C-alpha atoms as a PDB file:
ATOM      1  CA  UNK A   1      11.705  34.133 -21.931  1.00  0.00           C
ATOM      2  CA  UNK A   2      12.257  31.022 -19.826  1.00  0.00           C
ATOM      3  CA  UNK A   3      11.238  32.885 -16.670  1.00  0.00           C
ATOM      4  CA  UNK A   4       8.069  34.116 -18.370  1.00  0.00           C
ATOM      5  CA  UNK A   5       7.170  30.562 -19.370  1.00  0.00           C
ATOM      6  CA  UNK A   6       7.673  29.370 -15.810  1.00  0.00           C
ATOM      7  CA  UNK A   7       5.462  32.158 -14.470  1.00  0.00           C
ATOM      8  CA  UNK A   8       2.711  31.349 -16.968  1.00  0.00           C
ATOM      9  CA  UNK A   9       2.933  27.617 -16.168  1.00  0.00           C
ATOM     10  CA  UNK A  10       2.801  28.279 -12.424  1.00  0.00           C
ATOM     11  CA  UNK A  11      -0.187  30.573 -12.848  1.00  0.00           C
ATOM     12  CA  UNK A  12      -2.077  28.014 -14.929  1.00  0.00           C
ATOM     13  CA  UNK A  13      -1.244  25.232 -12.467  1.00  0.00           C
ATOM     14  CA  UNK A  14      -2.520  27.318  -9.571  1.00  0.00           C
ATOM     15  CA  UNK A  15      -5.716  28.169 -11.434  1.00  0.00           C
ATOM     16  CA  UNK A  16      -6.355  24.525 -12.324  1.00  0.00           C
ATOM     17  CA  UNK A  17      -5.735  23.503  -8.710  1.00  0.00           C
ATOM     18  CA  UNK A  18      -8.197  26.067  -7.352  1.00  0.00           C
ATOM     19  CA  UNK A  19     -10.853  25.196  -9.940  1.00  0.00           C
ATOM     20  CA  UNK A  20     -10.408  21.474  -9.337  1.00  0.00           C
ATOM     21  CA  UNK A  21     -10.828  21.837  -5.597  1.00  0.00           C
ATOM     22  CA  UNK A  22     -13.918  23.994  -6.126  1.00  0.00           C
ATOM     23  CA  UNK A  23     -15.421  21.484  -8.565  1.00  0.00           C
ATOM     24  CA  UNK A  24     -14.899  18.579  -6.168  1.00  0.00           C
ATOM     25  CA  UNK A  25     -17.091  20.352  -3.602  1.00  0.00           C
ATOM     26  CA  UNK A  26     -19.965  21.203  -5.961  1.00  0.00           C
ATOM     27  CA  UNK A  27     -23.113  19.418  -4.689  1.00  0.00           C
ATOM     28  CA  UNK A  28     -25.089  17.265  -7.083  1.00  0.00           C
ATOM     29  CA  UNK A  29     -28.404  18.958  -6.416  1.00  0.00           C
ATOM     30  CA  UNK A  30     -30.251  20.646  -3.619  1.00  0.00           C
ATOM     31  CA  UNK A  31     -32.199  17.485  -2.739  1.00  0.00           C
ATOM     32  CA  UNK A  32     -29.421  14.966  -3.330  1.00  0.00           C
ATOM     33  CA  UNK A  33     -28.897  12.162  -0.832  1.00  0.00           C
ATOM     34  CA  UNK A  34     -30.933  13.965   1.855  1.00  0.00           C
ATOM     35  CA  UNK A  35     -29.165  13.541   5.216  1.00  0.00           C
ATOM     36  CA  UNK A  36     -26.832  10.744   4.095  1.00  0.00           C
ATOM     37  CA  UNK A  37     -23.287  11.319   5.295  1.00  0.00           C
ATOM     38  CA  UNK A  38     -20.126   9.251   5.679  1.00  0.00           C
ATOM     39  CA  UNK A  39     -17.588  10.715   8.055  1.00  0.00           C
ATOM     40  CA  UNK A  40     -17.222  14.392   7.209  1.00  0.00           C
ATOM     41  CA  UNK A  41     -18.583  13.913   3.664  1.00  0.00           C
ATOM     42  CA  UNK A  42     -22.209  14.834   3.026  1.00  0.00           C
ATOM     43  CA  UNK A  43     -22.326  14.781  -0.786  1.00  0.00           C
ATOM     44  CA  UNK A  44     -20.351  13.020  -3.531  1.00  0.00           C
ATOM     45  CA  UNK A  45     -19.497  16.092  -5.576  1.00  0.00           C
ATOM     46  CA  UNK A  46     -19.329  15.653  -9.343  1.00  0.00           C
ATOM     47  CA  UNK A  47     -20.725  12.307 -10.506  1.00  0.00           C
ATOM     48  CA  UNK A  48     -18.897  10.033 -12.986  1.00  0.00           C
ATOM     49  CA  UNK A  49     -21.454  10.769 -15.730  1.00  0.00           C
ATOM     50  CA  UNK A  50     -20.612  14.476 -15.697  1.00  0.00           C
ATOM     51  CA  UNK A  51     -18.471  16.068 -18.389  1.00  0.00           C
ATOM     52  CA  UNK A  52     -16.530  17.837 -15.616  1.00  0.00           C
ATOM     53  CA  UNK A  53     -15.646  14.628 -13.759  1.00  0.00           C
ATOM     54  CA  UNK A  54     -12.068  14.818 -15.041  1.00  0.00           C
ATOM     55  CA  UNK A  55     -11.677  18.039 -13.048  1.00  0.00           C
ATOM     56  CA  UNK A  56     -12.511  16.100  -9.910  1.00  0.00           C
ATOM     57  CA  UNK A  57      -9.822  13.517 -10.703  1.00  0.00           C
ATOM     58  CA  UNK A  58      -7.282  16.273 -11.360  1.00  0.00           C
ATOM     59  CA  UNK A  59      -8.159  17.965  -8.091  1.00  0.00           C
ATOM     60  CA  UNK A  60      -7.635  14.755  -6.142  1.00  0.00           C
ATOM     61  CA  UNK A  61      -4.278  14.068  -7.749  1.00  0.00           C
ATOM     62  CA  UNK A  62      -3.069  17.599  -7.079  1.00  0.00           C
ATOM     63  CA  UNK A  63      -4.198  17.481  -3.458  1.00  0.00           C
ATOM     64  CA  UNK A  64      -2.347  14.209  -2.940  1.00  0.00           C
ATOM     65  CA  UNK A  65       0.712  15.640  -4.654  1.00  0.00           C
ATOM     66  CA  UNK A  66       0.855  18.573  -2.255  1.00  0.00           C
ATOM     67  CA  UNK A  67       0.035  16.501   0.847  1.00  0.00           C
ATOM     68  CA  UNK A  68       2.843  16.747   3.354  1.00  0.00           C
ATOM     69  CA  UNK A  69       3.199  13.066   4.325  1.00  0.00           C
ATOM     70  CA  UNK A  70       1.632   9.607   4.194  1.00  0.00           C
ATOM     71  CA  UNK A  71      -0.682  10.384   7.124  1.00  0.00           C
ATOM     72  CA  UNK A  72      -2.184  13.373   5.341  1.00  0.00           C
ATOM     73  CA  UNK A  73      -2.482  11.373   2.128  1.00  0.00           C
ATOM     74  CA  UNK A  74      -4.316   8.596   3.989  1.00  0.00           C
ATOM     75  CA  UNK A  75      -6.850  11.095   5.387  1.00  0.00           C
ATOM     76  CA  UNK A  76      -7.467  12.549   1.942  1.00  0.00           C
ATOM     77  CA  UNK A  77      -7.833   9.121   0.326  1.00  0.00           C
ATOM     78  CA  UNK A  78     -10.343   8.025   2.966  1.00  0.00           C
ATOM     79  CA  UNK A  79     -12.345  11.160   2.211  1.00  0.00           C
ATOM     80  CA  UNK A  80     -12.294  10.259  -1.498  1.00  0.00           C
ATOM     81  CA  UNK A  81     -13.515   6.737  -0.696  1.00  0.00           C
ATOM     82  CA  UNK A  82     -16.417   8.243   1.260  1.00  0.00           C
ATOM     83  CA  UNK A  83     -17.267  10.447  -1.736  1.00  0.00           C
ATOM     84  CA  UNK A  84     -17.105   7.460  -4.076  1.00  0.00           C
ATOM     85  CA  UNK A  85     -19.487   5.457  -1.878  1.00  0.00           C
ATOM     86  CA  UNK A  86     -22.012   8.296  -1.935  1.00  0.00           C
ATOM     87  CA  UNK A  87     -21.536   8.720  -5.691  1.00  0.00           C
ATOM     88  CA  UNK A  88     -22.174   5.006  -6.115  1.00  0.00           C
ATOM     89  CA  UNK A  89     -25.403   5.350  -4.165  1.00  0.00           C
ATOM     90  CA  UNK A  90     -26.523   8.242  -6.319  1.00  0.00           C
ATOM     91  CA  UNK A  91     -25.713   6.431  -9.590  1.00  0.00           C
ATOM     92  CA  UNK A  92     -27.888   3.477  -8.580  1.00  0.00           C
ATOM     93  CA  UNK A  93     -30.674   5.768  -7.430  1.00  0.00           C
ATOM     94  CA  UNK A  94     -30.640   7.349 -10.899  1.00  0.00           C
ATOM     95  CA  UNK A  95     -30.852   3.902 -12.504  1.00  0.00           C
ATOM     96  CA  UNK A  96     -27.441   4.186 -14.189  1.00  0.00           C
ATOM     97  CA  UNK A  97     -26.451   0.633 -13.298  1.00  0.00           C
ATOM     98  CA  UNK A  98     -23.778   0.014 -15.930  1.00  0.00           C
ATOM     99  CA  UNK A  99     -21.902   3.172 -15.045  1.00  0.00           C
ATOM    100  CA  UNK A 100     -22.534   2.453 -11.376  1.00  0.00           C
ATOM    101  CA  UNK A 101     -20.928  -0.999 -11.705  1.00  0.00           C
ATOM    102  CA  UNK A 102     -17.790   0.575 -13.190  1.00  0.00           C
ATOM    103  CA  UNK A 103     -17.729   3.153 -10.415  1.00  0.00           C
ATOM    104  CA  UNK A 104     -18.057   0.329  -7.873  1.00  0.00           C
ATOM    105  CA  UNK A 105     -14.702  -0.983  -9.092  1.00  0.00           C
ATOM    106  CA  UNK A 106     -13.209   2.499  -8.716  1.00  0.00           C
ATOM    107  CA  UNK A 107     -14.582   2.765  -5.178  1.00  0.00           C
ATOM    108  CA  UNK A 108     -13.079  -0.602  -4.186  1.00  0.00           C
ATOM    109  CA  UNK A 109      -9.713   0.394  -5.701  1.00  0.00           C
ATOM    110  CA  UNK A 110      -9.803   3.758  -3.920  1.00  0.00           C
ATOM    111  CA  UNK A 111     -10.415   2.059  -0.579  1.00  0.00           C
ATOM    112  CA  UNK A 112      -7.676  -0.489  -1.271  1.00  0.00           C
ATOM    113  CA  UNK A 113      -5.192   2.320  -1.956  1.00  0.00           C
ATOM    114  CA  UNK A 114      -6.307   4.009   1.261  1.00  0.00           C
ATOM    115  CA  UNK A 115      -5.632   0.839   3.261  1.00  0.00           C
ATOM    116  CA  UNK A 116      -2.207   0.466   1.645  1.00  0.00           C
ATOM    117  CA  UNK A 117      -1.303   4.049   2.578  1.00  0.00           C
ATOM    118  CA  UNK A 118      -2.442   3.506   6.175  1.00  0.00           C
ATOM    119  CA  UNK A 119      -0.399   0.322   6.323  1.00  0.00           C
ATOM    120  CA  UNK A 120       2.621   2.224   5.019  1.00  0.00           C
ATOM    121  CA  UNK A 121       2.240   4.607   7.963  1.00  0.00           C
ATOM    122  CA  UNK A 122       1.983   1.654  10.358  1.00  0.00           C
ATOM    123  CA  UNK A 123       5.066  -0.172   9.030  1.00  0.00           C
ATOM    124  CA  UNK A 124       7.250   2.928   8.809  1.00  0.00           C
ATOM    125  CA  UNK A 125       6.185   4.738  11.993  1.00  0.00           C
ATOM    126  CA  UNK A 126       4.692   2.017  14.191  1.00  0.00           C
ATOM    127  CA  UNK A 127       1.225   1.071  15.444  1.00  0.00           C
ATOM    128  CA  UNK A 128       0.919   4.173  17.609  1.00  0.00           C
ATOM    129  CA  UNK A 129       1.174   6.438  14.561  1.00  0.00           C
ATOM    130  CA  UNK A 130      -1.498   4.533  12.629  1.00  0.00           C
ATOM    131  CA  UNK A 131      -3.908   3.857  15.511  1.00  0.00           C
ATOM    132  CA  UNK A 132      -6.078   6.912  14.850  1.00  0.00           C
ATOM    133  CA  UNK A 133      -6.066   6.289  11.098  1.00  0.00           C
ATOM    134  CA  UNK A 134      -7.129   2.648  11.467  1.00  0.00           C
ATOM    135  CA  UNK A 135      -9.914   3.593  13.891  1.00  0.00           C
ATOM    136  CA  UNK A 136     -11.216   6.226  11.470  1.00  0.00           C
ATOM    137  CA  UNK A 137     -10.883   3.807   8.557  1.00  0.00           C
ATOM    138  CA  UNK A 138     -12.907   1.145  10.385  1.00  0.00           C
ATOM    139  CA  UNK A 139     -15.721   3.476  11.410  1.00  0.00           C
ATOM    140  CA  UNK A 140     -15.942   5.139   7.997  1.00  0.00           C
ATOM    141  CA  UNK A 141     -15.995   1.803   6.216  1.00  0.00           C
ATOM    142  CA  UNK A 142     -18.785   0.488   8.438  1.00  0.00           C
ATOM    143  CA  UNK A 143     -20.806   3.512   7.373  1.00  0.00           C
ATOM    144  CA  UNK A 144     -19.792   2.989   3.728  1.00  0.00           C
ATOM    145  CA  UNK A 145     -21.022  -0.593   3.830  1.00  0.00           C
ATOM    146  CA  UNK A 146     -24.282   0.491   5.435  1.00  0.00           C
ATOM    147  CA  UNK A 147     -24.861   2.855   2.499  1.00  0.00           C
ATOM    148  CA  UNK A 148     -23.881   0.232  -0.082  1.00  0.00           C
ATOM    149  CA  UNK A 149     -26.118  -2.397   1.507  1.00  0.00           C
ATOM    150  CA  UNK A 150     -29.077  -0.042   1.305  1.00  0.00           C
ATOM    151  CA  UNK A 151     -28.321   0.400  -2.406  1.00  0.00           C
ATOM    152  CA  UNK A 152     -27.929  -3.355  -2.889  1.00  0.00           C
ATOM    153  CA  UNK A 153     -31.308  -3.972  -1.287  1.00  0.00           C
ATOM    154  CA  UNK A 154     -33.059  -1.875  -3.942  1.00  0.00           C
ATOM    155  CA  UNK A 155     -30.921  -2.766  -6.965  1.00  0.00           C
ATOM    156  CA  UNK A 156     -32.258  -5.208  -9.617  1.00  0.00           C
ATOM    157  CA  UNK A 157     -30.709  -8.664  -9.732  1.00  0.00           C
ATOM    158  CA  UNK A 158     -28.634  -7.917 -12.841  1.00  0.00           C
ATOM    159  CA  UNK A 159     -27.021  -4.901 -11.136  1.00  0.00           C
ATOM    160  CA  UNK A 160     -26.154  -6.527  -7.816  1.00  0.00           C
ATOM    161  CA  UNK A 161     -22.962  -8.336  -8.756  1.00  0.00           C
ATOM    162  CA  UNK A 162     -20.867  -5.179  -9.113  1.00  0.00           C
ATOM    163  CA  UNK A 163     -21.914  -3.988  -5.667  1.00  0.00           C
ATOM    164  CA  UNK A 164     -21.285  -7.390  -4.109  1.00  0.00           C
ATOM    165  CA  UNK A 165     -17.766  -7.469  -5.557  1.00  0.00           C
ATOM    166  CA  UNK A 166     -17.078  -3.963  -4.250  1.00  0.00           C
ATOM    167  CA  UNK A 167     -18.332  -4.883  -0.765  1.00  0.00           C
ATOM    168  CA  UNK A 168     -16.358  -8.128  -0.692  1.00  0.00           C
ATOM    169  CA  UNK A 169     -13.061  -6.676  -1.938  1.00  0.00           C
ATOM    170  CA  UNK A 170     -13.125  -3.567   0.239  1.00  0.00           C
ATOM    171  CA  UNK A 171     -14.196  -5.596   3.280  1.00  0.00           C
ATOM    172  CA  UNK A 172     -11.262  -7.936   2.808  1.00  0.00           C
ATOM    173  CA  UNK A 173      -8.679  -5.131   2.829  1.00  0.00           C
ATOM    174  CA  UNK A 174     -10.175  -3.318   5.811  1.00  0.00           C
ATOM    175  CA  UNK A 175     -10.346  -6.590   7.793  1.00  0.00           C
ATOM    176  CA  UNK A 176      -6.675  -7.245   7.055  1.00  0.00           C
ATOM    177  CA  UNK A 177      -5.771  -3.769   8.311  1.00  0.00           C
ATOM    178  CA  UNK A 178      -7.792  -4.170  11.522  1.00  0.00           C
ATOM    179  CA  UNK A 179      -6.124  -7.520  12.120  1.00  0.00           C
ATOM    180  CA  UNK A 180      -2.616  -6.173  11.533  1.00  0.00           C
ATOM    181  CA  UNK A 181      -3.181  -3.141  13.763  1.00  0.00           C
ATOM    182  CA  UNK A 182      -5.245  -4.494  16.672  1.00  0.00           C
ATOM    183  CA  UNK A 183      -5.201  -8.313  16.515  1.00  0.00           C
ATOM    184  CA  UNK A 184      -7.684 -11.181  16.423  1.00  0.00           C
ATOM    185  CA  UNK A 185     -10.117  -9.924  19.069  1.00  0.00           C
ATOM    186  CA  UNK A 186     -10.562  -6.564  17.350  1.00  0.00           C
ATOM    187  CA  UNK A 187     -11.107  -8.349  14.043  1.00  0.00           C
ATOM    188  CA  UNK A 188     -13.878 -10.469  15.565  1.00  0.00           C
ATOM    189  CA  UNK A 189     -15.623  -7.366  16.932  1.00  0.00           C
ATOM    190  CA  UNK A 190     -15.350  -5.718  13.530  1.00  0.00           C
ATOM    191  CA  UNK A 191     -16.887  -8.760  11.841  1.00  0.00           C
ATOM    192  CA  UNK A 192     -19.741  -8.815  14.359  1.00  0.00           C
ATOM    193  CA  UNK A 193     -20.561  -5.219  13.455  1.00  0.00           C
ATOM    194  CA  UNK A 194     -20.581  -6.115   9.755  1.00  0.00           C
ATOM    195  CA  UNK A 195     -22.840  -9.096  10.365  1.00  0.00           C
ATOM    196  CA  UNK A 196     -25.230  -6.972  12.389  1.00  0.00           C
ATOM    197  CA  UNK A 197     -25.626  -4.619   9.440  1.00  0.00           C
ATOM    198  CA  UNK A 198     -26.357  -7.540   7.130  1.00  0.00           C
ATOM    199  CA  UNK A 199     -29.046  -8.894   9.466  1.00  0.00           C
ATOM    200  CA  UNK A 200     -31.135  -5.772   8.848  1.00  0.00           C
ATOM    201  CA  UNK A 201     -31.544  -6.643   5.168  1.00  0.00           C
ATOM    202  CA  UNK A 202     -34.148  -8.756   3.393  1.00  0.00           C
ATOM    203  CA  UNK A 203     -33.750 -12.513   3.567  1.00  0.00           C
ATOM    204  CA  UNK A 204     -32.645 -13.096  -0.024  1.00  0.00           C
ATOM    205  CA  UNK A 205     -30.050 -10.313  -0.070  1.00  0.00           C
ATOM    206  CA  UNK A 206     -28.941 -11.163   3.458  1.00  0.00           C
ATOM    207  CA  UNK A 207     -28.238 -14.786   2.487  1.00  0.00           C
ATOM    208  CA  UNK A 208     -26.302 -13.695  -0.587  1.00  0.00           C
ATOM    209  CA  UNK A 209     -24.095 -11.244   1.348  1.00  0.00           C
ATOM    210  CA  UNK A 210     -23.543 -13.609   4.284  1.00  0.00           C
ATOM    211  CA  UNK A 211     -22.281 -16.327   1.956  1.00  0.00           C
ATOM    212  CA  UNK A 212     -19.686 -13.903   0.582  1.00  0.00           C
ATOM    213  CA  UNK A 213     -18.624 -12.783   4.062  1.00  0.00           C
ATOM    214  CA  UNK A 214     -18.428 -16.344   5.415  1.00  0.00           C
ATOM    215  CA  UNK A 215     -16.161 -17.499   2.592  1.00  0.00           C
ATOM    216  CA  UNK A 216     -13.997 -14.401   2.876  1.00  0.00           C
ATOM    217  CA  UNK A 217     -13.489 -14.581   6.642  1.00  0.00           C
ATOM    218  CA  UNK A 218     -13.182 -18.364   6.772  1.00  0.00           C
ATOM    219  CA  UNK A 219     -16.292 -18.922   8.877  1.00  0.00           C
ATOM    220  CA  UNK A 220     -16.920 -22.129   6.913  1.00  0.00           C
ATOM    221  CA  UNK A 221     -14.351 -23.927   9.074  1.00  0.00           C
ATOM    222  CA  UNK A 222     -11.139 -22.741   7.465  1.00  0.00           C
ATOM    223  CA  UNK A 223      -8.479 -20.964   9.534  1.00  0.00           C
ATOM    224  CA  UNK A 224      -7.275 -17.414   8.887  1.00  0.00           C
ATOM    225  CA  UNK A 225      -3.695 -16.238   8.512  1.00  0.00           C
ATOM    226  CA  UNK A 226      -3.183 -14.412  11.805  1.00  0.00           C
ATOM    227  CA  UNK A 227       0.299 -13.110  11.053  1.00  0.00           C
ATOM    228  CA  UNK A 228      -0.371 -11.253   7.843  1.00  0.00           C
ATOM    229  CA  UNK A 229      -4.086 -10.569   8.253  1.00  0.00           C
ATOM    230  CA  UNK A 230      -4.644 -11.753   4.696  1.00  0.00           C
ATOM    231  CA  UNK A 231      -7.629 -13.721   3.423  1.00  0.00           C
ATOM    232  CA  UNK A 232      -8.087 -17.402   4.095  1.00  0.00           C
ATOM    233  CA  UNK A 233      -7.711 -20.301   1.713  1.00  0.00           C
ATOM    234  CA  UNK A 234     -11.032 -20.892   0.003  1.00  0.00           C
ATOM    235  CA  UNK A 235     -12.833 -24.203  -0.135  1.00  0.00           C
ATOM    236  CA  UNK A 236     -12.127 -24.435  -3.853  1.00  0.00           C
ATOM    237  CA  UNK A 237      -8.372 -24.240  -3.222  1.00  0.00           C
ATOM    238  CA  UNK A 238      -8.626 -26.965  -0.592  1.00  0.00           C
ATOM    239  CA  UNK A 239     -10.527 -29.215  -2.967  1.00  0.00           C
ATOM    240  CA  UNK A 240      -7.973 -28.535  -5.686  1.00  0.00           C
ATOM    241  CA  UNK A 241      -5.137 -29.601  -3.385  1.00  0.00           C
ATOM    242  CA  UNK A 242      -7.015 -32.764  -2.453  1.00  0.00           C
ATOM    243  CA  UNK A 243      -7.593 -33.557  -6.110  1.00  0.00           C
ATOM    244  CA  UNK A 244      -3.911 -32.985  -6.852  1.00  0.00           C
ATOM    245  CA  UNK A 245      -2.883 -35.364  -4.070  1.00  0.00           C
ATOM    246  CA  UNK A 246      -5.333 -37.974  -5.369  1.00  0.00           C
ATOM    247  CA  UNK A 247      -3.967 -37.614  -8.887  1.00  0.00           C
ATOM    248  CA  UNK A 248      -0.412 -38.021  -7.611  1.00  0.00           C
ATOM    249  CA  UNK A 249      -1.373 -41.165  -5.733  1.00  0.00           C
ATOM    250  CA  UNK A 250      -3.117 -42.548  -8.827  1.00  0.00           C
ATOM    251  CA  UNK A 251      -0.062 -41.819 -10.971  1.00  0.00           C
ATOM    252  CA  UNK A 252       2.184 -43.565  -8.421  1.00  0.00           C
ATOM    253  CA  UNK A 253      -0.068 -46.609  -8.436  1.00  0.00           C
ATOM    254  CA  UNK A 254      -0.072 -46.680 -12.241  1.00  0.00           C
ATOM    255  CA  UNK A 255       3.711 -46.439 -12.312  1.00  0.00           C
ATOM    256  CA  UNK A 256       3.964 -49.308  -9.815  1.00  0.00           C
ATOM    257  CA  UNK A 257       1.609 -51.441 -11.904  1.00  0.00           C
ATOM    258  CA  UNK A 258       3.587 -50.662 -15.056  1.00  0.00           C
ATOM    259  CA  UNK A 259       6.859 -51.658 -13.392  1.00  0.00           C
ATOM    260  CA  UNK A 260       5.288 -54.878 -12.146  1.00  0.00           C
ATOM    261  CA  UNK A 261       3.982 -55.702 -15.627  1.00  0.00           C
ATOM    262  CA  UNK A 262       7.403 -54.983 -17.144  1.00  0.00           C
ATOM    263  CA  UNK A 263       9.152 -57.247 -14.666  1.00  0.00           C
ATOM    264  CA  UNK A 264       6.615 -60.016 -15.323  1.00  0.00           C
ATOM    265  CA  UNK A 265       7.074 -59.707 -19.083  1.00  0.00           C
ATOM    266  CA  UNK A 266      10.861 -59.858 -18.704  1.00  0.00           C
ATOM    267  CA  UNK A 267      10.642 -62.968 -16.577  1.00  0.00           C
ATOM    268  CA  UNK A 268       8.291 -64.600 -19.074  1.00  0.00           C
ATOM    269  CA  UNK A 269      10.755 -63.845 -21.896  1.00  0.00           C
ATOM    270  CA  UNK A 270      13.673 -65.251 -19.919  1.00  0.00           C
ATOM    271  CA  UNK A 271      11.960 -68.518 -18.894  1.00  0.00           C
ATOM    272  CA  UNK A 272      11.674 -70.057 -22.414  1.00  0.00           C
ATOM    273  CA  UNK A 273      15.341 -69.303 -23.017  1.00  0.00           C
ATOM    274  CA  UNK A 274      16.341 -70.913 -19.776  1.00  0.00           C
ATOM    275  CA  UNK A 275      14.209 -73.974 -20.519  1.00  0.00           C
ATOM    276  CA  UNK A 276      15.751 -74.299 -23.993  1.00  0.00           C
ATOM    277  CA  UNK A 277      19.198 -74.078 -22.463  1.00  0.00           C
ATOM    278  CA  UNK A 278      18.366 -76.770 -19.964  1.00  0.00           C
ATOM    279  CA  UNK A 279      16.995 -79.030 -22.735  1.00  0.00           C
ATOM    280  CA  UNK A 280      20.142 -78.517 -24.829  1.00  0.00           C
ATOM    281  CA  UNK A 281      22.281 -79.471 -21.857  1.00  0.00           C
ATOM    282  CA  UNK A 282      20.133 -82.523 -21.285  1.00  0.00           C
ATOM    283  CA  UNK A 283      20.365 -83.500 -24.971  1.00  0.00           C
ATOM    284  CA  UNK A 284      24.121 -83.055 -24.902  1.00  0.00           C
ATOM    285  CA  UNK A 285      24.306 -85.272 -21.822  1.00  0.00           C
ATOM    286  CA  UNK A 286      22.199 -87.874 -23.526  1.00  0.00           C
ATOM    287  CA  UNK A 287      24.421 -87.804 -26.607  1.00  0.00           C
ATOM    288  CA  UNK A 288      27.520 -88.200 -24.516  1.00  0.00           C
ATOM    289  CA  UNK A 289      25.980 -91.171 -22.722  1.00  0.00           C
ATOM    290  CA  UNK A 290      25.042 -92.752 -26.024  1.00  0.00           C
ATOM    291  CA  UNK A 291      28.548 -92.247 -27.377  1.00  0.00           C
ATOM    292  CA  UNK A 292      30.111 -93.768 -24.340  1.00  0.00           C
ATOM    293  CA  UNK A 293      27.734 -96.749 -24.575  1.00  0.00           C
ATOM    294  CA  UNK A 294      28.716 -97.288 -28.200  1.00  0.00           C
ATOM    295  CA  UNK A 295      32.396 -97.139 -27.346  1.00  0.00           C
ATOM    296  CA  UNK A 296      31.948 -99.661 -24.562  1.00  0.00           C
ATOM    297  CA  UNK A 297      30.077-102.037 -26.867  1.00  0.00           C
ATOM    298  CA  UNK A 298      32.838-101.817 -29.471  1.00  0.00           C
ATOM    299  CA  UNK A 299      35.472-102.655 -26.874  1.00  0.00           C
ATOM    300  CA  UNK A 300      33.493-105.697 -25.776  1.00  0.00           C
ATOM    301  CA  UNK A 301      33.227-107.015 -29.325  1.00  0.00           C
ATOM    302  CA  UNK A 302      36.985-106.792 -29.759  1.00  0.00           C
ATOM    303  CA  UNK A 303      37.595-108.781 -26.631  1.00  0.00           C
ATOM    304  CA  UNK A 304      35.234-111.539 -27.801  1.00  0.00           C
ATOM    305  CA  UNK A 305      37.043-111.737 -31.162  1.00  0.00           C
ATOM    306  CA  UNK A 306      40.302-112.324 -29.412  1.00  0.00           C
END
């Protein structure tokens, strides 16, 4: 009975795996996305608004589960990120901006997980093992951003923020990976390619994207962390530190003023007491002098009587 259950479970699992893989490759429509392609991906497969989208998620998870190693997983995850970028383009073309904004978050997370897997290959096997993966990641992401920028150019103002966040977050992780793998010079070349893509956009959108990129890469005069390849400290953080230092200095000055006032008050309280003591001593001295004068006068009177 137990063996029969295992056979049935294995058969169902195999069937689900095959169906999931088939569903992930179903094109959206015959005219979808025209000649748009990212890497080896030419269509996004099932879109997030489909009732069969869960099959696509299952298929991805099963493929990753059966992947032989981190390198194979990284290749699969990069393919999924390419599909998500094309799906994001299609969602915005269909005017489904709310669902597209949610999918933009999924795309950015998918690319972040891809970068983390590539970095795991680099740290465990060395730069030589991850060199091909990083090169493919960089080229695919440049194409992803080109697609997303074309979508951003046509999107209404209310629907642009989700795309901008996706571009900014994914750009940050890819830049960190390029820096960790190939160094500062390669990172600069990568940024020049990104900037060149932005220059082809309209003025308003170009200004908006450039501001995001400049803050992220520290082109506003702040230095980057060359060792870790992580993002730079933002201008807001710098201002916050300056404000904190100013507050600390103000508090120190207030404490110094309080101590000075306390010392002054103590001295003022002590001075009347000291003056009273001095007057008492003077009065006592005067009394003693008077007593001695009286005694001397009495002695003189006695002598005259004799």
